[in-house]
Structures are given as C-alpha cells and as structure tokens.
Protein backbone atom coordinates (compact mmCIF):
# COMPACT_ATOMS: atom_id res chain seq x y z
CA ALA A 1 25.67 9.76 13.53
CA LYS A 2 22.96 11.83 11.88
CA TYR A 3 20.08 10.74 14.13
CA ASP A 4 19.86 10.80 17.90
CA ARG A 5 17.63 7.75 18.34
CA LEU A 6 16.79 4.38 16.81
CA ASP A 7 13.38 3.01 17.71
CA ILE A 8 13.31 -0.11 15.56
CA LEU A 9 16.05 -2.13 13.90
CA VAL A 10 14.88 -4.74 11.36
CA ASN A 11 17.52 -7.29 10.39
CA ASN A 12 16.33 -8.64 7.04
CA ALA A 13 19.43 -9.30 4.93
CA GLY A 14 19.39 -12.84 3.63
CA VAL A 15 20.66 -15.37 1.13
CA MET A 16 19.26 -18.87 0.65
CA MET A 17 21.06 -22.04 -0.36
CA PRO A 18 23.81 -20.72 -2.69
CA PRO A 19 26.80 -22.83 -3.73
CA LEU A 20 29.53 -23.03 -1.12
CA SER A 21 31.52 -19.81 -0.86
CA HIS A 22 33.32 -17.90 1.85
CA THR A 23 33.71 -14.22 2.60
CA LYS A 24 37.03 -12.39 2.91
CA ASP A 25 36.84 -13.16 6.64
CA ASP A 26 36.51 -16.85 5.72
CA PHE A 27 32.91 -17.09 6.93
CA GLU A 28 30.51 -19.37 5.04
CA LEU A 29 28.33 -17.04 2.98
CA GLN A 30 24.93 -17.93 4.45
CA MET A 31 26.11 -17.73 8.05
CA ALA A 32 27.94 -14.49 7.29
CA THR A 33 25.00 -12.79 5.59
CA ASN A 34 22.11 -14.16 7.62
CA HIS A 35 23.67 -14.04 11.08
CA PHE A 36 27.12 -12.50 11.56
CA GLY A 37 26.31 -9.31 9.64
CA HIS A 38 23.17 -8.80 11.73
CA PHE A 39 25.00 -9.66 14.92
CA LEU A 40 27.77 -7.09 14.35
CA LEU A 41 25.41 -4.35 13.14
CA THR A 42 23.15 -4.79 16.16
CA ALA A 43 26.12 -4.75 18.53
CA LEU A 44 27.43 -1.53 16.97
CA LEU A 45 24.02 0.06 17.48
CA LYS A 46 23.55 -1.22 21.04
CA ASP A 47 24.27 2.10 22.77
CA LEU A 48 21.89 3.98 20.48
CA LEU A 49 19.16 1.36 20.87
CA GLU A 50 19.46 1.46 24.66
CA LYS A 51 19.46 5.26 24.67
CA SER A 52 16.25 5.13 22.60
CA ALA A 53 14.46 2.73 24.96
CA PRO A 54 11.89 1.42 24.66
CA SER A 55 13.26 0.22 21.34
CA ARG A 56 13.20 -3.12 19.58
CA VAL A 57 15.10 -5.43 17.23
CA VAL A 58 13.17 -7.57 14.74
CA ILE A 59 15.08 -10.41 13.06
CA LEU A 60 13.69 -12.27 10.06
CA SER A 61 14.34 -15.96 10.42
CA SER A 62 12.50 -18.82 8.70
CA CYS A 63 10.61 -22.03 9.30
CA ALA A 64 13.91 -23.55 8.11
CA SER A 65 15.21 -22.88 11.63
CA CYS A 66 13.23 -26.03 12.50
CA PRO A 67 12.73 -29.46 10.96
CA CYS A 68 10.50 -28.98 7.89
CA SER A 69 8.70 -31.13 5.35
CA PRO A 70 10.15 -31.02 2.77
CA LYS A 71 13.31 -30.58 4.78
CA PHE A 72 16.00 -27.93 4.57
CA GLY A 73 18.36 -29.32 7.17
CA THR A 74 18.53 -32.69 8.91
CA THR A 75 19.74 -31.55 12.31
CA CYS A 76 18.72 -27.85 12.33
CA ASP A 77 21.46 -27.19 14.88
CA ILE A 78 24.51 -24.99 15.35
CA ASN A 79 27.68 -26.93 14.58
CA PHE A 80 30.20 -25.11 16.74
CA ASP A 81 32.99 -27.42 15.59
CA ASP A 82 32.56 -26.40 11.96
CA LEU A 83 30.42 -23.28 11.63
CA HIS A 84 31.87 -22.45 8.22
CA TRP A 85 31.85 -25.85 6.50
CA LYS A 86 35.59 -26.41 6.39
CA SER A 87 35.79 -30.05 7.47
CA ARG A 88 32.40 -31.52 6.48
CA LYS A 89 30.72 -31.91 3.13
CA TYR A 90 28.71 -28.80 2.32
CA ASP A 91 24.95 -29.17 2.52
CA LYS A 92 23.37 -25.90 1.39
CA GLY A 93 20.03 -26.69 3.05
CA GLU A 94 21.69 -27.57 6.34
CA ALA A 95 23.79 -24.41 6.14
CA TYR A 96 20.67 -22.33 5.58
CA ALA A 97 18.91 -24.01 8.50
CA GLN A 98 21.90 -23.30 10.76
CA SER A 99 21.90 -19.61 9.83
CA LYS A 100 18.15 -19.29 10.40
CA LEU A 101 18.35 -20.96 13.81
CA ALA A 102 21.12 -18.47 14.60
CA ASN A 103 18.59 -15.66 13.97
CA VAL A 104 16.23 -17.15 16.55
CA LEU A 105 19.01 -17.58 19.10
CA HIS A 106 20.24 -14.03 18.48
CA ALA A 107 16.84 -12.55 19.36
CA MET A 108 16.60 -14.74 22.46
CA GLN A 109 19.93 -13.46 23.74
CA ILE A 110 19.32 -9.79 22.91
CA ALA A 111 16.23 -10.03 25.13
CA LYS A 112 18.49 -11.09 28.01
CA SER A 113 21.44 -8.81 27.33
CA TYR A 114 20.19 -5.35 26.30
CA ASN A 115 18.57 -2.82 28.61
CA GLY A 116 15.25 -1.38 27.45
CA VAL A 117 15.45 -3.20 24.12
CA THR A 118 13.08 -5.99 23.17
CA ALA A 119 13.79 -8.51 20.41
CA TYR A 120 11.75 -10.86 18.27
CA SER A 121 12.52 -13.39 15.54
CA LEU A 122 9.99 -14.46 12.96
CA HIS A 123 9.09 -16.63 10.01
CA PRO A 124 7.37 -14.34 7.47
CA GLY A 125 5.96 -17.24 5.46
CA TRP A 126 7.15 -18.76 2.23
CA VAL A 127 7.05 -15.50 0.31
CA GLN A 128 7.18 -15.20 -3.46
CA SER A 129 10.50 -13.46 -4.02
CA LYS A 130 13.92 -13.91 -5.58
CA LEU A 131 15.25 -15.62 -2.45
CA MET A 132 14.90 -19.06 -4.06
CA ARG A 133 17.05 -18.21 -7.08
CA HIS A 134 19.87 -20.56 -5.96
CA MET A 135 17.62 -23.60 -5.48
CA GLY A 136 17.84 -24.69 -9.13
CA PRO A 137 17.74 -23.52 -12.76
CA GLY A 138 15.47 -20.55 -13.38
CA CYS A 139 12.76 -22.59 -15.11
CA VAL A 140 12.67 -25.05 -12.18
CA THR A 141 12.36 -22.25 -9.66
CA CYS A 142 9.55 -20.62 -11.64
CA CYS A 143 7.64 -23.91 -11.83
CA LEU A 144 8.16 -24.52 -8.12
CA GLU A 145 6.88 -21.05 -7.26
CA CYS A 146 3.86 -21.49 -9.51
CA CYS A 147 2.96 -24.86 -8.02
CA CYS A 148 3.45 -23.68 -4.45
CA MET A 149 1.53 -20.46 -4.98
CA LYS A 150 -1.38 -21.61 -7.11
CA CYS A 151 -1.76 -25.32 -6.35
CA THR A 152 -0.83 -25.93 -2.72
CA GLY A 153 -1.26 -22.49 -1.18
CA ALA A 154 2.08 -22.93 0.60
CA MET A 155 3.55 -19.74 -0.87
CA ILE A 156 2.19 -16.26 -0.20
CA ASN A 157 2.57 -12.86 -1.82
CA VAL A 158 4.70 -10.04 -0.48
CA TRP A 159 1.76 -8.24 1.15
CA ASP A 160 0.81 -11.29 3.21
CA GLY A 161 4.47 -12.02 3.82
CA SER A 162 4.95 -8.63 5.47
CA GLN A 163 2.24 -9.04 8.09
CA THR A 164 4.19 -10.94 10.74
CA SER A 165 7.05 -8.45 10.45
CA LEU A 166 4.63 -5.54 10.78
CA HIS A 167 3.04 -7.15 13.82
CA CYS A 168 6.42 -7.33 15.56
CA ILE A 169 7.37 -3.81 14.41
CA LEU A 170 4.16 -1.95 15.22
CA SER A 171 2.52 -3.71 18.17
CA GLU A 172 2.90 -2.19 21.62
CA PRO A 173 5.68 -3.91 23.61
CA GLU A 174 3.23 -5.18 26.22
CA ALA A 175 1.35 -7.01 23.44
CA LEU A 176 4.49 -8.93 22.47
CA GLU A 177 6.66 -11.52 24.20
CA ASN A 178 10.28 -10.44 24.47
CA GLY A 179 12.67 -12.91 22.84
CA ALA A 180 9.87 -14.96 21.30
CA PHE A 181 9.41 -16.44 17.83
CA TYR A 182 6.48 -15.30 15.66
CA SER A 183 5.35 -17.29 12.66
CA GLN A 184 3.14 -17.14 9.61
CA PHE A 185 1.91 -20.62 8.64
CA GLY A 186 4.80 -22.79 7.47
CA ILE A 187 5.96 -26.17 6.23
CA TYR A 188 7.01 -27.34 9.70
CA LYS A 189 7.46 -31.07 10.22
CA ASP A 190 5.61 -30.62 13.51
CA LYS A 191 2.00 -30.58 12.37
CA ALA A 192 0.81 -28.60 15.37
CA SER A 193 3.11 -25.73 14.32
CA GLN A 194 2.09 -25.59 10.66
CA LYS A 195 -0.63 -23.00 11.23
CA GLY A 196 1.92 -20.65 12.85
CA GLY A 197 1.36 -18.38 15.82
CA TRP A 198 1.98 -14.89 17.22
CA PRO A 199 4.00 -15.95 19.18
CA MET A 200 4.68 -19.66 18.70
CA LYS A 201 6.80 -22.11 20.66
CA ILE A 202 9.52 -22.93 18.18
CA PRO A 203 9.49 -26.65 17.32
CA ASN A 204 13.24 -27.14 17.61
CA ALA A 205 14.83 -28.66 20.71
CA ASN A 206 18.09 -26.88 19.81
CA ALA A 207 16.61 -23.41 20.42
CA THR A 208 17.78 -23.28 24.03
CA ASP A 209 19.10 -20.54 26.29
CA GLU A 210 22.38 -22.44 26.63
CA ILE A 211 22.98 -22.66 22.87
CA ALA A 212 21.92 -19.02 22.45
CA ALA A 213 24.47 -17.89 25.02
CA ARG A 214 27.21 -20.01 23.47
CA LEU A 215 26.48 -18.70 19.97
CA TRP A 216 26.50 -15.12 21.31
CA ASP A 217 29.98 -15.57 22.79
CA GLU A 218 31.31 -17.35 19.72
CA SER A 219 29.85 -14.70 17.39
CA ALA A 220 31.35 -11.89 19.46
CA LYS A 221 34.77 -13.50 19.24
CA LEU A 222 34.56 -14.14 15.49
CA VAL A 223 33.50 -10.58 14.57
CA GLY A 224 36.12 -9.02 16.83
CA LEU A 225 34.03 -7.82 19.76
CA GLY A 226 35.13 -7.91 23.38
CA PRO A 227 33.95 -10.21 26.17
CA SER A 228 30.17 -10.79 26.21
CA GLY A 229 29.82 -8.85 22.97
CA SER A 230 31.18 -5.52 24.18
CA VAL A 231 31.99 -3.08 21.37
CA PRO A 232 35.43 -1.42 21.17
CA GLU A 233 35.08 2.29 21.88
CA ALA A 234 36.36 3.25 18.43
CA TRP A 235 33.65 1.14 16.76
CA ALA A 236 30.60 2.31 18.67
CA VAL A 237 27.86 4.21 16.83
CA LYS A 238 26.79 7.11 19.04
CA ALA A 239 24.00 9.64 18.88
CA PRO A 240 25.04 13.26 18.14
CA GLY A 241 24.91 14.21 21.83
CA GLN A 242 27.14 11.26 22.74
CA GLN A 243 30.04 12.02 20.41
CA GLY A 244 33.30 11.97 22.30
CA MET A 245 31.67 10.52 25.42
CA SER A 246 32.78 7.26 26.98
C-alpha cells in the first residue's frame, strides 16, 4: 500500500433500477454494486482503518431504504431466501430498495464490529444526476427531472446533495451518532420523516440489529471472507509498516 493511514472511506458506488442482470459471481447487479462491493472493500481495508483510528466509514444509502411515496419497494426488506432474484419475479424498485437497506445495515454493523472506526449511512437527497437513467426512456427521465426539480422541489442540485455527506465526513466524531442514519429531506411515506434529520430514526421496521448481523454474516460468506467477516491474510490491505506482519 502506498499510504500508511486511511482516515475516511466513502462508499458511494451505485446503480439504480437497471434491467435484471447478474455479475460473473452470479450476484444481482444492484445488490452487487450497491452493497457487496462496498462490503468487501471495507473489509479489506479494516486493518488500515483501525490502525488509523479515529477513522470513519460513510455509506451513501437512499430514502429508498424505507417505504416511500411514490414507492420504490413494497417490503423494503432483505430477502435472505432469494437475495439475487433467482426464484421470484424481478422488481427493479424492490431490488434497489433491498440494496439501499443493506447500506444502512452495513453501517450499523461496522459500528459494532470495528475498533476505533465509526460508521454512518445517509440519504443525500433526490439529487439531479445520471442515476435515474434506467428508470425510462431518456425523454421521460428528462421530463421527470424537470418536473421534480422546478415544480415540486423534490429534487436538488449536486451542491445541496453533497451537504449530508460532507456533514458525516467532516464533523467531529463526538458530534455524530455512530451507526446512525442521516438524511436530507426525502419522499418518505412516513410524513414525520420527510423533512429529514441529522441523524434521523430510520422509518423502516426492518432496520434492526438482528437483520444487520445476519446480513453481515451472509455477505461475508458470499464474498469469500472468513467467520464474522475476517479477511484471509493474503487479501488484507496493509500499511507500509505492516507489510509482512501477521
């Protein structure tokens, strides 16, 4: 490794509501991109993050992790029996909601599992970007963005959309709640949550410690990690002074 410390890791890779497809590892694309890639990367950097303590992990989730209006998913839950949409009819909104709830659960479990590392998940707002390109034909997406941005105020620009992330990245640890969810205003079905909050109690009964722990174990198994997410020695990313050390 080139650097001897890592103060902040921001997990922001994402894809939204594409047609059904699977990776070479046979993972559904949204779950693979939005959760499993982040999960494995963070695990590989665990030693470096802990060595750099106090450090933090910031994971971009979405209001879609919860029931919304208009809705993304119906259940907004983790389907452990069919994580990758092999036996049920594919619902791209439900798949997106599952992957975004996984982000929330990931941050919750990092907060319990890593030493000297804090973690936060967040909804940045409905930001004007190319993320919605799979939601319909280009002209439909452009019209939707225009209506949401100019008529309803539900969509925000990139500058405003960065503020919740920056809050979680730059605030002193004592000013933040470890494992918590931070939110810009959003299209939550729960009206009390629509204004957002830093932090905010996530309006999803499926965001529990038990489900977070189960997803952690299942994710570790699927990406090839050891028990409780331990990283094989040959995979670990170490700081320059740690090379060759166990």
